Amino acid sequence: MQEPTLVILAAGMGSRFGGLKQIMAVDDFGHAIIDFSLYDAYRAGFRKVAFIIKHEIEDDFKAAVGRRMEKYFDVKYVFQQLDMLPPGYAVPDGRVKPWGTAHAVLCCKDAVDGPFAVINADDFYGRGAFQAIYDFLAADRSENEHAMVSYLLKNTVTENGYVARGICQVEDGFLTDVVERTHIEKRGADAAYTEDGKTYVPLSGEVPVSMNFWGFGKGMFRELEARFPAWLDENLKTNPVKAEYFLPFVANAAIQDGTGSVRVLNCHEVWYGMTYKGDIDSVVSAIRTMRENGVYPDQLLEEEA
């Protein structure tokens, strides 16, 4: 068995949040959300981690997170830069936005040598999600067998603004379609999305969604690389400054073409994240409650040393 790697997307600067939220403390002991994810990942069995960052935040990120984790994990750093494009392509004038989650993962193809999980640095996923994805990746599977941890939409929205989620269709435990909705707002126990900022389409709170917690076989790198030029050809014409190459787009394309399968691992835990500064209090409160209930120790990985 090739040891699974945990790939953590940490290149975004948090435009809606305002600041480097990946390293903001959410408890009295100085831990960021990423520290809880790494603790849960370690307990699940992960021993290899690749941080995807930008050169602009390298020193801050290594000082706050990376060097501490080198005691527990085989750590690699991967840089997502705008000019990391296929031959013959150039960064459009005015483009400053990263190319998206699929591009970020593609940037680490030379740093990952086996199956791998992907998470966002600033999302709190819960211990059970890490155990489920590790167990899937640690099993003997082909390179084209993948997985996704799904959450109920009602457990993933915020009171403080809109969020982006991959809305999933599932049949017999496998993902059959995923559509990225980039503007979803909470509506009581349910939600609604809009494409134009004016017309809203209702969504049930029970809909399964992707929170960008994936488990991929090595074959996903071939999918990401092969589909990127065609995506660029289409989107550089229509939205050269802001279009993003999303992981759900590539996973969905592989499903439709029959070149890969995605098993859905259901998770009924509540997701916590810091999309907006108004989310901080709810995250801090939730973590305090979990610690009081014995889910987490005060010092996290330090107690594993």
C-alpha atoms as a PDB file:
ATOM      1  CA  MET A   1       0.000   0.000   0.000  1.00  0.00           C
ATOM      2  CA  GLN A   2       1.219   3.501  -0.836  1.00  0.00           C
ATOM      3  CA  GLU A   3       0.772   5.790   2.155  1.00  0.00           C
ATOM      4  CA  PRO A   4      -1.979   8.372   1.509  1.00  0.00           C
ATOM      5  CA  THR A   5      -1.035  12.057   1.488  1.00  0.00           C
ATOM      6  CA  LEU A   6      -3.195  14.841   2.894  1.00  0.00           C
ATOM      7  CA  VAL A   7      -3.188  17.800   0.486  1.00  0.00           C
ATOM      8  CA  ILE A   8      -4.255  21.078   2.105  1.00  0.00           C
ATOM      9  CA  LEU A   9      -5.382  24.012  -0.015  1.00  0.00           C
ATOM     10  CA  ALA A  10      -4.017  27.109   1.697  1.00  0.00           C
ATOM     11  CA  ALA A  11      -3.124  29.457  -1.164  1.00  0.00           C
ATOM     12  CA  GLY A  12      -6.213  31.679  -0.889  1.00  0.00           C
ATOM     13  CA  MET A  13      -5.854  34.875   1.087  1.00  0.00           C
ATOM     14  CA  GLY A  14      -9.523  34.938   2.115  1.00  0.00           C
ATOM     15  CA  SER A  15     -10.862  37.829   0.048  1.00  0.00           C
ATOM     16  CA  ARG A  16     -14.350  37.797   1.589  1.00  0.00           C
ATOM     17  CA  PHE A  17     -12.953  37.211   5.068  1.00  0.00           C
ATOM     18  CA  GLY A  18     -10.216  39.841   4.867  1.00  0.00           C
ATOM     19  CA  GLY A  19      -6.814  38.574   5.982  1.00  0.00           C
ATOM     20  CA  LEU A  20      -4.873  35.344   6.278  1.00  0.00           C
ATOM     21  CA  LYS A  21      -7.587  33.267   7.913  1.00  0.00           C
ATOM     22  CA  GLN A  22      -5.629  30.015   7.514  1.00  0.00           C
ATOM     23  CA  ILE A  23      -3.553  30.866  10.601  1.00  0.00           C
ATOM     24  CA  MET A  24      -6.051  32.782  12.755  1.00  0.00           C
ATOM     25  CA  ALA A  25      -6.416  31.371  16.272  1.00  0.00           C
ATOM     26  CA  VAL A  26      -9.850  29.981  17.159  1.00  0.00           C
ATOM     27  CA  ASP A  27      -9.187  28.910  20.756  1.00  0.00           C
ATOM     28  CA  ASP A  28      -7.348  30.065  23.869  1.00  0.00           C
ATOM     29  CA  PHE A  29      -4.316  27.930  23.010  1.00  0.00           C
ATOM     30  CA  GLY A  30      -3.481  29.604  19.698  1.00  0.00           C
ATOM     31  CA  HIS A  31      -4.749  26.821  17.416  1.00  0.00           C
ATOM     32  CA  ALA A  32      -6.147  27.634  13.976  1.00  0.00           C
ATOM     33  CA  ILE A  33      -8.771  25.486  12.239  1.00  0.00           C
ATOM     34  CA  ILE A  34      -5.971  23.823  10.279  1.00  0.00           C
ATOM     35  CA  ASP A  35      -4.484  22.537  13.553  1.00  0.00           C
ATOM     36  CA  PHE A  36      -7.686  20.643  14.317  1.00  0.00           C
ATOM     37  CA  SER A  37      -7.736  19.187  10.812  1.00  0.00           C
ATOM     38  CA  LEU A  38      -4.139  18.022  11.149  1.00  0.00           C
ATOM     39  CA  TYR A  39      -4.862  16.511  14.569  1.00  0.00           C
ATOM     40  CA  ASP A  40      -7.870  14.629  13.198  1.00  0.00           C
ATOM     41  CA  ALA A  41      -5.827  13.529  10.165  1.00  0.00           C
ATOM     42  CA  TYR A  42      -2.991  12.255  12.354  1.00  0.00           C
ATOM     43  CA  ARG A  43      -5.381  10.288  14.537  1.00  0.00           C
ATOM     44  CA  ALA A  44      -6.957   8.802  11.400  1.00  0.00           C
ATOM     45  CA  GLY A  45      -3.567   7.567  10.140  1.00  0.00           C
ATOM     46  CA  PHE A  46      -2.147  10.245   7.842  1.00  0.00           C
ATOM     47  CA  ARG A  47       1.614  10.808   8.106  1.00  0.00           C
ATOM     48  CA  LYS A  48       2.264  12.745   4.884  1.00  0.00           C
ATOM     49  CA  VAL A  49       0.991  16.239   4.150  1.00  0.00           C
ATOM     50  CA  ALA A  50       1.434  18.669   1.264  1.00  0.00           C
ATOM     51  CA  PHE A  51       0.560  22.317   1.858  1.00  0.00           C
ATOM     52  CA  ILE A  52      -0.426  24.247  -1.254  1.00  0.00           C
ATOM     53  CA  ILE A  53       0.430  27.902  -0.648  1.00  0.00           C
ATOM     54  CA  LYS A  54       1.600  30.993  -2.507  1.00  0.00           C
ATOM     55  CA  HIS A  55       5.128  32.371  -2.273  1.00  0.00           C
ATOM     56  CA  GLU A  56       3.667  35.581  -0.846  1.00  0.00           C
ATOM     57  CA  ILE A  57       2.551  33.833   2.358  1.00  0.00           C
ATOM     58  CA  GLU A  58       5.366  31.264   2.584  1.00  0.00           C
ATOM     59  CA  ASP A  59       7.261  32.717   5.552  1.00  0.00           C
ATOM     60  CA  ASP A  60       4.136  33.442   7.619  1.00  0.00           C
ATOM     61  CA  PHE A  61       2.632  30.051   6.899  1.00  0.00           C
ATOM     62  CA  LYS A  62       5.777  28.091   7.723  1.00  0.00           C
ATOM     63  CA  ALA A  63       6.264  30.031  10.945  1.00  0.00           C
ATOM     64  CA  ALA A  64       2.663  29.575  12.072  1.00  0.00           C
ATOM     65  CA  VAL A  65       1.956  26.016  10.877  1.00  0.00           C
ATOM     66  CA  GLY A  66       4.495  24.218   8.728  1.00  0.00           C
ATOM     67  CA  ARG A  67       7.503  23.948  10.995  1.00  0.00           C
ATOM     68  CA  ARG A  68       5.412  22.722  13.913  1.00  0.00           C
ATOM     69  CA  MET A  69       3.920  19.975  11.742  1.00  0.00           C
ATOM     70  CA  GLU A  70       7.307  18.717  10.574  1.00  0.00           C
ATOM     71  CA  LYS A  71       7.575  16.909  13.921  1.00  0.00           C
ATOM     72  CA  TYR A  72       4.580  14.727  13.098  1.00  0.00           C
ATOM     73  CA  PHE A  73       4.333  14.562   9.293  1.00  0.00           C
ATOM     74  CA  ASP A  74       6.490  14.231   6.225  1.00  0.00           C
ATOM     75  CA  VAL A  75       5.794  17.810   5.057  1.00  0.00           C
ATOM     76  CA  LYS A  76       6.047  19.192   1.535  1.00  0.00           C
ATOM     77  CA  TYR A  77       5.253  22.679   0.263  1.00  0.00           C
ATOM     78  CA  VAL A  78       3.719  23.282  -3.142  1.00  0.00           C
ATOM     79  CA  PHE A  79       3.242  26.710  -4.681  1.00  0.00           C
ATOM     80  CA  GLN A  80       0.195  27.662  -6.706  1.00  0.00           C
ATOM     81  CA  GLN A  81       1.202  30.465  -9.034  1.00  0.00           C
ATOM     82  CA  LEU A  82      -0.728  32.103 -11.846  1.00  0.00           C
ATOM     83  CA  ASP A  83       1.894  31.350 -14.476  1.00  0.00           C
ATOM     84  CA  MET A  84       1.782  27.587 -13.904  1.00  0.00           C
ATOM     85  CA  LEU A  85      -0.051  26.929 -17.178  1.00  0.00           C
ATOM     86  CA  PRO A  86       0.266  24.438 -20.051  1.00  0.00           C
ATOM     87  CA  PRO A  87       2.719  25.330 -22.863  1.00  0.00           C
ATOM     88  CA  GLY A  88       1.317  27.961 -25.180  1.00  0.00           C
ATOM     89  CA  TYR A  89      -0.865  29.684 -22.570  1.00  0.00           C
ATOM     90  CA  ALA A  90      -0.220  32.976 -20.770  1.00  0.00           C
ATOM     91  CA  VAL A  91      -1.789  34.768 -17.822  1.00  0.00           C
ATOM     92  CA  PRO A  92      -4.468  37.172 -19.113  1.00  0.00           C
ATOM     93  CA  ASP A  93      -3.999  40.894 -18.539  1.00  0.00           C
ATOM     94  CA  GLY A  94      -5.565  41.895 -15.234  1.00  0.00           C
ATOM     95  CA  ARG A  95      -5.722  38.364 -13.808  1.00  0.00           C
ATOM     96  CA  VAL A  96      -4.794  38.209 -10.111  1.00  0.00           C
ATOM     97  CA  LYS A  97      -7.273  35.561  -8.912  1.00  0.00           C
ATOM     98  CA  PRO A  98      -5.889  32.005  -8.512  1.00  0.00           C
ATOM     99  CA  TRP A  99      -7.015  29.479 -11.123  1.00  0.00           C
ATOM    100  CA  GLY A 100      -9.123  27.467  -8.664  1.00  0.00           C
ATOM    101  CA  THR A 101      -9.013  24.251  -6.679  1.00  0.00           C
ATOM    102  CA  ALA A 102      -8.405  21.891  -9.611  1.00  0.00           C
ATOM    103  CA  HIS A 103      -5.401  23.948 -10.715  1.00  0.00           C
ATOM    104  CA  ALA A 104      -4.109  24.024  -7.136  1.00  0.00           C
ATOM    105  CA  VAL A 105      -4.178  20.228  -6.907  1.00  0.00           C
ATOM    106  CA  LEU A 106      -2.578  19.883 -10.336  1.00  0.00           C
ATOM    107  CA  CYS A 107       0.327  21.977  -9.072  1.00  0.00           C
ATOM    108  CA  CYS A 108       1.225  19.213  -6.597  1.00  0.00           C
ATOM    109  CA  LYS A 109       1.383  16.286  -9.028  1.00  0.00           C
ATOM    110  CA  ASP A 110       5.174  15.973  -8.583  1.00  0.00           C
ATOM    111  CA  ALA A 111       4.924  16.107  -4.774  1.00  0.00           C
ATOM    112  CA  VAL A 112       2.382  13.282  -4.317  1.00  0.00           C
ATOM    113  CA  ASP A 113       3.319   9.700  -5.126  1.00  0.00           C
ATOM    114  CA  GLY A 114       0.122   7.803  -4.311  1.00  0.00           C
ATOM    115  CA  PRO A 115      -3.523   8.251  -3.274  1.00  0.00           C
ATOM    116  CA  PHE A 116      -4.331  11.541  -1.614  1.00  0.00           C
ATOM    117  CA  ALA A 117      -7.026  13.475   0.205  1.00  0.00           C
ATOM    118  CA  VAL A 118      -7.803  17.149  -0.435  1.00  0.00           C
ATOM    119  CA  ILE A 119      -9.182  19.644   2.089  1.00  0.00           C
ATOM    120  CA  ASN A 120      -9.475  23.403   2.495  1.00  0.00           C
ATOM    121  CA  ALA A 121      -7.201  24.897   5.128  1.00  0.00           C
ATOM    122  CA  ASP A 122      -9.938  27.003   6.688  1.00  0.00           C
ATOM    123  CA  ASP A 123     -12.779  24.460   6.924  1.00  0.00           C
ATOM    124  CA  PHE A 124     -13.521  22.361  10.007  1.00  0.00           C
ATOM    125  CA  TYR A 125     -14.624  18.923   8.803  1.00  0.00           C
ATOM    126  CA  GLY A 126     -14.864  16.729  11.916  1.00  0.00           C
ATOM    127  CA  ARG A 127     -12.934  13.644  13.009  1.00  0.00           C
ATOM    128  CA  GLY A 128     -15.234  11.091  11.405  1.00  0.00           C
ATOM    129  CA  ALA A 129     -14.682  12.591   7.957  1.00  0.00           C
ATOM    130  CA  PHE A 130     -10.917  12.118   8.167  1.00  0.00           C
ATOM    131  CA  GLN A 131     -11.235   8.529   9.325  1.00  0.00           C
ATOM    132  CA  ALA A 132     -13.644   7.707   6.506  1.00  0.00           C
ATOM    133  CA  ILE A 133     -11.421   9.169   3.796  1.00  0.00           C
ATOM    134  CA  TYR A 134      -8.232   7.607   5.189  1.00  0.00           C
ATOM    135  CA  ASP A 135      -9.818   4.159   5.353  1.00  0.00           C
ATOM    136  CA  PHE A 136     -10.976   4.537   1.742  1.00  0.00           C
ATOM    137  CA  LEU A 137      -7.556   5.613   0.478  1.00  0.00           C
ATOM    138  CA  ALA A 138      -5.664   3.002   2.492  1.00  0.00           C
ATOM    139  CA  ALA A 139      -7.558   0.142   0.845  1.00  0.00           C
ATOM    140  CA  ASP A 140      -6.265  -1.597  -2.287  1.00  0.00           C
ATOM    141  CA  ARG A 141      -7.932   0.302  -5.150  1.00  0.00           C
ATOM    142  CA  SER A 142      -7.284   1.257  -8.746  1.00  0.00           C
ATOM    143  CA  GLU A 143      -5.894   4.702  -9.565  1.00  0.00           C
ATOM    144  CA  ASN A 144      -9.266   5.754 -10.964  1.00  0.00           C
ATOM    145  CA  GLU A 145     -11.367   5.008  -7.873  1.00  0.00           C
ATOM    146  CA  HIS A 146     -12.064   8.182  -5.944  1.00  0.00           C
ATOM    147  CA  ALA A 147     -14.247   9.336  -3.046  1.00  0.00           C
ATOM    148  CA  MET A 148     -15.911  12.442  -1.683  1.00  0.00           C
ATOM    149  CA  VAL A 149     -17.134  13.242   1.816  1.00  0.00           C
ATOM    150  CA  SER A 150     -20.636  14.711   1.531  1.00  0.00           C
ATOM    151  CA  TYR A 151     -22.430  16.914   4.047  1.00  0.00           C
ATOM    152  CA  LEU A 152     -26.043  18.004   4.304  1.00  0.00           C
ATOM    153  CA  LEU A 153     -26.432  21.521   2.937  1.00  0.00           C
ATOM    154  CA  LYS A 154     -28.193  22.692   6.122  1.00  0.00           C
ATOM    155  CA  ASN A 155     -25.056  21.820   8.102  1.00  0.00           C
ATOM    156  CA  THR A 156     -22.742  23.898   5.894  1.00  0.00           C
ATOM    157  CA  VAL A 157     -24.246  27.366   5.463  1.00  0.00           C
ATOM    158  CA  THR A 158     -23.520  30.574   7.348  1.00  0.00           C
ATOM    159  CA  GLU A 159     -25.732  33.291   8.778  1.00  0.00           C
ATOM    160  CA  ASN A 160     -23.282  35.938   7.625  1.00  0.00           C
ATOM    161  CA  GLY A 161     -23.421  35.845   3.827  1.00  0.00           C
ATOM    162  CA  TYR A 162     -23.292  33.511   0.857  1.00  0.00           C
ATOM    163  CA  VAL A 163     -21.201  30.394   0.275  1.00  0.00           C
ATOM    164  CA  ALA A 164     -20.147  28.230  -2.669  1.00  0.00           C
ATOM    165  CA  ARG A 165     -21.036  24.529  -2.593  1.00  0.00           C
ATOM    166  CA  GLY A 166     -20.991  21.600  -4.984  1.00  0.00           C
ATOM    167  CA  ILE A 167     -24.578  20.300  -5.168  1.00  0.00           C
ATOM    168  CA  CYS A 168     -24.463  16.504  -5.547  1.00  0.00           C
ATOM    169  CA  GLN A 169     -26.593  13.793  -7.088  1.00  0.00           C
ATOM    170  CA  VAL A 170     -25.972  10.323  -5.676  1.00  0.00           C
ATOM    171  CA  GLU A 171     -27.074   6.892  -6.863  1.00  0.00           C
ATOM    172  CA  ASP A 172     -26.256   3.606  -5.108  1.00  0.00           C
ATOM    173  CA  GLY A 173     -23.545   5.295  -3.068  1.00  0.00           C
ATOM    174  CA  PHE A 174     -21.747   6.845  -6.030  1.00  0.00           C
ATOM    175  CA  LEU A 175     -21.633  10.422  -7.236  1.00  0.00           C
ATOM    176  CA  THR A 176     -23.392  10.830 -10.589  1.00  0.00           C
ATOM    177  CA  ASP A 177     -23.288  14.615 -10.929  1.00  0.00           C
ATOM    178  CA  VAL A 178     -21.993  17.640  -9.049  1.00  0.00           C
ATOM    179  CA  VAL A 179     -22.782  21.244  -9.940  1.00  0.00           C
ATOM    180  CA  GLU A 180     -20.841  24.107  -8.385  1.00  0.00           C
ATOM    181  CA  ARG A 181     -23.169  26.824  -7.092  1.00  0.00           C
ATOM    182  CA  THR A 182     -21.072  29.838  -6.202  1.00  0.00           C
ATOM    183  CA  HIS A 183     -23.759  31.916  -4.431  1.00  0.00           C
ATOM    184  CA  ILE A 184     -25.909  30.031  -1.897  1.00  0.00           C
ATOM    185  CA  GLU A 185     -27.726  31.824   0.928  1.00  0.00           C
ATOM    186  CA  LYS A 186     -29.341  30.365   4.033  1.00  0.00           C
ATOM    187  CA  ARG A 187     -33.155  30.338   4.158  1.00  0.00           C
ATOM    188  CA  GLY A 188     -34.142  28.991   7.568  1.00  0.00           C
ATOM    189  CA  ALA A 189     -33.556  25.226   7.518  1.00  0.00           C
ATOM    190  CA  ASP A 190     -33.112  25.373   3.751  1.00  0.00           C
ATOM    191  CA  ALA A 191     -31.275  27.610   1.276  1.00  0.00           C
ATOM    192  CA  ALA A 192     -31.432  29.196  -2.179  1.00  0.00           C
ATOM    193  CA  TYR A 193     -28.909  29.912  -4.903  1.00  0.00           C
ATOM    194  CA  THR A 194     -28.629  32.589  -7.564  1.00  0.00           C
ATOM    195  CA  GLU A 195     -26.676  32.892 -10.788  1.00  0.00           C
ATOM    196  CA  ASP A 196     -27.491  36.522 -11.544  1.00  0.00           C
ATOM    197  CA  GLY A 197     -27.960  38.058  -8.088  1.00  0.00           C
ATOM    198  CA  LYS A 198     -31.663  38.638  -8.738  1.00  0.00           C
ATOM    199  CA  THR A 199     -33.430  35.314  -9.255  1.00  0.00           C
ATOM    200  CA  TYR A 200     -33.145  32.726  -6.470  1.00  0.00           C
ATOM    201  CA  VAL A 201     -33.769  28.992  -6.796  1.00  0.00           C
ATOM    202  CA  PRO A 202     -34.788  27.099  -3.611  1.00  0.00           C
ATOM    203  CA  LEU A 203     -32.590  24.289  -2.289  1.00  0.00           C
ATOM    204  CA  SER A 204     -33.545  21.737   0.361  1.00  0.00           C
ATOM    205  CA  GLY A 205     -31.382  21.687   3.445  1.00  0.00           C
ATOM    206  CA  GLU A 206     -31.197  17.907   3.052  1.00  0.00           C
ATOM    207  CA  VAL A 207     -29.338  18.097  -0.285  1.00  0.00           C
ATOM    208  CA  PRO A 208     -25.879  16.448  -0.155  1.00  0.00           C
ATOM    209  CA  VAL A 209     -23.075  18.871  -0.925  1.00  0.00           C
ATOM    210  CA  SER A 210     -19.356  18.775  -1.484  1.00  0.00           C
ATOM    211  CA  MET A 211     -17.215  20.702   0.966  1.00  0.00           C
ATOM    212  CA  ASN A 212     -14.089  20.087  -1.092  1.00  0.00           C
ATOM    213  CA  PHE A 213     -13.083  17.028   0.957  1.00  0.00           C
ATOM    214  CA  TRP A 214     -11.969  14.527  -1.667  1.00  0.00           C
ATOM    215  CA  GLY A 215     -10.068  11.270  -1.771  1.00  0.00           C
ATOM    216  CA  PHE A 216      -8.314  10.673  -5.082  1.00  0.00           C
ATOM    217  CA  GLY A 217      -6.353   7.900  -6.683  1.00  0.00           C
ATOM    218  CA  LYS A 218      -3.182   8.880  -8.527  1.00  0.00           C
ATOM    219  CA  GLY A 219      -5.142   8.789 -11.791  1.00  0.00           C
ATOM    220  CA  MET A 220      -6.830  12.078 -10.895  1.00  0.00           C
ATOM    221  CA  PHE A 221      -3.661  13.941 -11.882  1.00  0.00           C
ATOM    222  CA  ARG A 222      -4.067  12.648 -15.432  1.00  0.00           C
ATOM    223  CA  GLU A 223      -7.656  13.907 -15.451  1.00  0.00           C
ATOM    224  CA  LEU A 224      -6.665  17.340 -14.141  1.00  0.00           C
ATOM    225  CA  GLU A 225      -3.840  17.736 -16.638  1.00  0.00           C
ATOM    226  CA  ALA A 226      -5.712  16.404 -19.666  1.00  0.00           C
ATOM    227  CA  ARG A 227      -8.805  18.579 -19.157  1.00  0.00           C
ATOM    228  CA  PHE A 228      -7.076  21.853 -18.288  1.00  0.00           C
ATOM    229  CA  PRO A 229      -6.229  23.073 -21.831  1.00  0.00           C
ATOM    230  CA  ALA A 230      -9.810  22.630 -23.070  1.00  0.00           C
ATOM    231  CA  TRP A 231     -11.101  24.430 -19.989  1.00  0.00           C
ATOM    232  CA  LEU A 232      -8.697  27.311 -20.666  1.00  0.00           C
ATOM    233  CA  ASP A 233      -9.722  27.485 -24.315  1.00  0.00           C
ATOM    234  CA  GLU A 234     -13.365  27.905 -23.321  1.00  0.00           C
ATOM    235  CA  ASN A 235     -13.047  30.154 -20.298  1.00  0.00           C
ATOM    236  CA  LEU A 236     -10.298  32.497 -21.416  1.00  0.00           C
ATOM    237  CA  LYS A 237     -12.736  33.685 -24.068  1.00  0.00           C
ATOM    238  CA  THR A 238     -15.661  34.321 -21.758  1.00  0.00           C
ATOM    239  CA  ASN A 239     -14.236  35.150 -18.304  1.00  0.00           C
ATOM    240  CA  PRO A 240     -10.432  35.490 -18.458  1.00  0.00           C
ATOM    241  CA  VAL A 241     -10.036  37.426 -15.193  1.00  0.00           C
ATOM    242  CA  LYS A 242     -12.226  35.442 -12.779  1.00  0.00           C
ATOM    243  CA  ALA A 243     -13.017  31.946 -14.157  1.00  0.00           C
ATOM    244  CA  GLU A 244     -11.901  29.114 -11.849  1.00  0.00           C
ATOM    245  CA  TYR A 245     -10.989  25.512 -12.640  1.00  0.00           C
ATOM    246  CA  PHE A 246     -12.895  23.658  -9.905  1.00  0.00           C
ATOM    247  CA  LEU A 247     -12.336  20.111  -8.643  1.00  0.00           C
ATOM    248  CA  PRO A 248     -16.060  19.230  -8.964  1.00  0.00           C
ATOM    249  CA  PHE A 249     -15.891  20.072 -12.672  1.00  0.00           C
ATOM    250  CA  VAL A 250     -13.086  17.573 -13.253  1.00  0.00           C
ATOM    251  CA  ALA A 251     -14.591  14.872 -11.046  1.00  0.00           C
ATOM    252  CA  ASN A 252     -17.913  15.240 -12.821  1.00  0.00           C
ATOM    253  CA  ALA A 253     -16.267  15.055 -16.255  1.00  0.00           C
ATOM    254  CA  ALA A 254     -14.468  11.839 -15.281  1.00  0.00           C
ATOM    255  CA  ILE A 255     -17.748  10.339 -14.084  1.00  0.00           C
ATOM    256  CA  GLN A 256     -19.572  11.282 -17.280  1.00  0.00           C
ATOM    257  CA  ASP A 257     -16.777   9.942 -19.498  1.00  0.00           C
ATOM    258  CA  GLY A 258     -16.449   6.725 -17.505  1.00  0.00           C
ATOM    259  CA  THR A 259     -12.774   7.333 -16.732  1.00  0.00           C
ATOM    260  CA  GLY A 260     -13.286   7.427 -12.969  1.00  0.00           C
ATOM    261  CA  SER A 261     -15.777   6.721 -10.193  1.00  0.00           C
ATOM    262  CA  VAL A 262     -16.466   8.698  -7.007  1.00  0.00           C
ATOM    263  CA  ARG A 263     -17.875   6.913  -3.974  1.00  0.00           C
ATOM    264  CA  VAL A 264     -19.831   9.176  -1.619  1.00  0.00           C
ATOM    265  CA  LEU A 265     -18.954   8.943   2.065  1.00  0.00           C
ATOM    266  CA  ASN A 266     -21.855  10.464   3.988  1.00  0.00           C
ATOM    267  CA  CYS A 267     -21.070  12.727   6.905  1.00  0.00           C
ATOM    268  CA  HIS A 268     -23.728  14.157   9.217  1.00  0.00           C
ATOM    269  CA  GLU A 269     -21.410  16.332  11.253  1.00  0.00           C
ATOM    270  CA  VAL A 270     -21.773  20.114  11.257  1.00  0.00           C
ATOM    271  CA  TRP A 271     -19.229  21.919   9.112  1.00  0.00           C
ATOM    272  CA  TYR A 272     -17.606  25.048  10.512  1.00  0.00           C
ATOM    273  CA  GLY A 273     -15.668  27.617   8.532  1.00  0.00           C
ATOM    274  CA  MET A 274     -14.642  31.243   8.428  1.00  0.00           C
ATOM    275  CA  THR A 275     -15.897  32.611   5.156  1.00  0.00           C
ATOM    276  CA  TYR A 276     -16.694  35.920   6.860  1.00  0.00           C
ATOM    277  CA  LYS A 277     -15.416  37.627   9.988  1.00  0.00           C
ATOM    278  CA  GLY A 278     -18.889  37.238  11.459  1.00  0.00           C
ATOM    279  CA  ASP A 279     -18.322  33.463  11.470  1.00  0.00           C
ATOM    280  CA  ILE A 280     -15.504  33.616  14.021  1.00  0.00           C
ATOM    281  CA  ASP A 281     -17.693  33.587  17.130  1.00  0.00           C
ATOM    282  CA  SER A 282     -19.619  30.481  16.045  1.00  0.00           C
ATOM    283  CA  VAL A 283     -16.398  28.616  15.249  1.00  0.00           C
ATOM    284  CA  VAL A 284     -14.807  29.533  18.570  1.00  0.00           C
ATOM    285  CA  SER A 285     -17.954  28.541  20.466  1.00  0.00           C
ATOM    286  CA  ALA A 286     -18.275  25.199  18.678  1.00  0.00           C
ATOM    287  CA  ILE A 287     -14.640  24.270  19.338  1.00  0.00           C
ATOM    288  CA  ARG A 288     -14.949  25.258  22.996  1.00  0.00           C
ATOM    289  CA  THR A 289     -17.962  22.965  23.343  1.00  0.00           C
ATOM    290  CA  MET A 290     -16.183  20.045  21.642  1.00  0.00           C
ATOM    291  CA  ARG A 291     -13.197  20.470  23.934  1.00  0.00           C
ATOM    292  CA  GLU A 292     -15.476  20.546  26.985  1.00  0.00           C
ATOM    293  CA  ASN A 293     -17.032  17.301  25.729  1.00  0.00           C
ATOM    294  CA  GLY A 294     -13.615  15.647  25.486  1.00  0.00           C
ATOM    295  CA  VAL A 295     -13.390  15.548  21.695  1.00  0.00           C
ATOM    296  CA  TYR A 296     -10.122  17.500  21.679  1.00  0.00           C
ATOM    297  CA  PRO A 297      -7.335  17.914  24.261  1.00  0.00           C
ATOM    298  CA  ASP A 298      -5.933  21.334  25.092  1.00  0.00           C
ATOM    299  CA  GLN A 299      -2.659  20.900  23.206  1.00  0.00           C
ATOM    300  CA  LEU A 300      -3.695  18.738  20.218  1.00  0.00           C
ATOM    301  CA  LEU A 301      -0.697  17.147  18.480  1.00  0.00           C
ATOM    302  CA  GLU A 302       1.726  18.136  21.190  1.00  0.00           C
ATOM    303  CA  GLU A 303       0.202  15.346  23.275  1.00  0.00           C
ATOM    304  CA  GLU A 304       1.079  12.814  20.549  1.00  0.00           C
ATOM    305  CA  ALA A 305       4.802  13.546  20.748  1.00  0.00           C
END
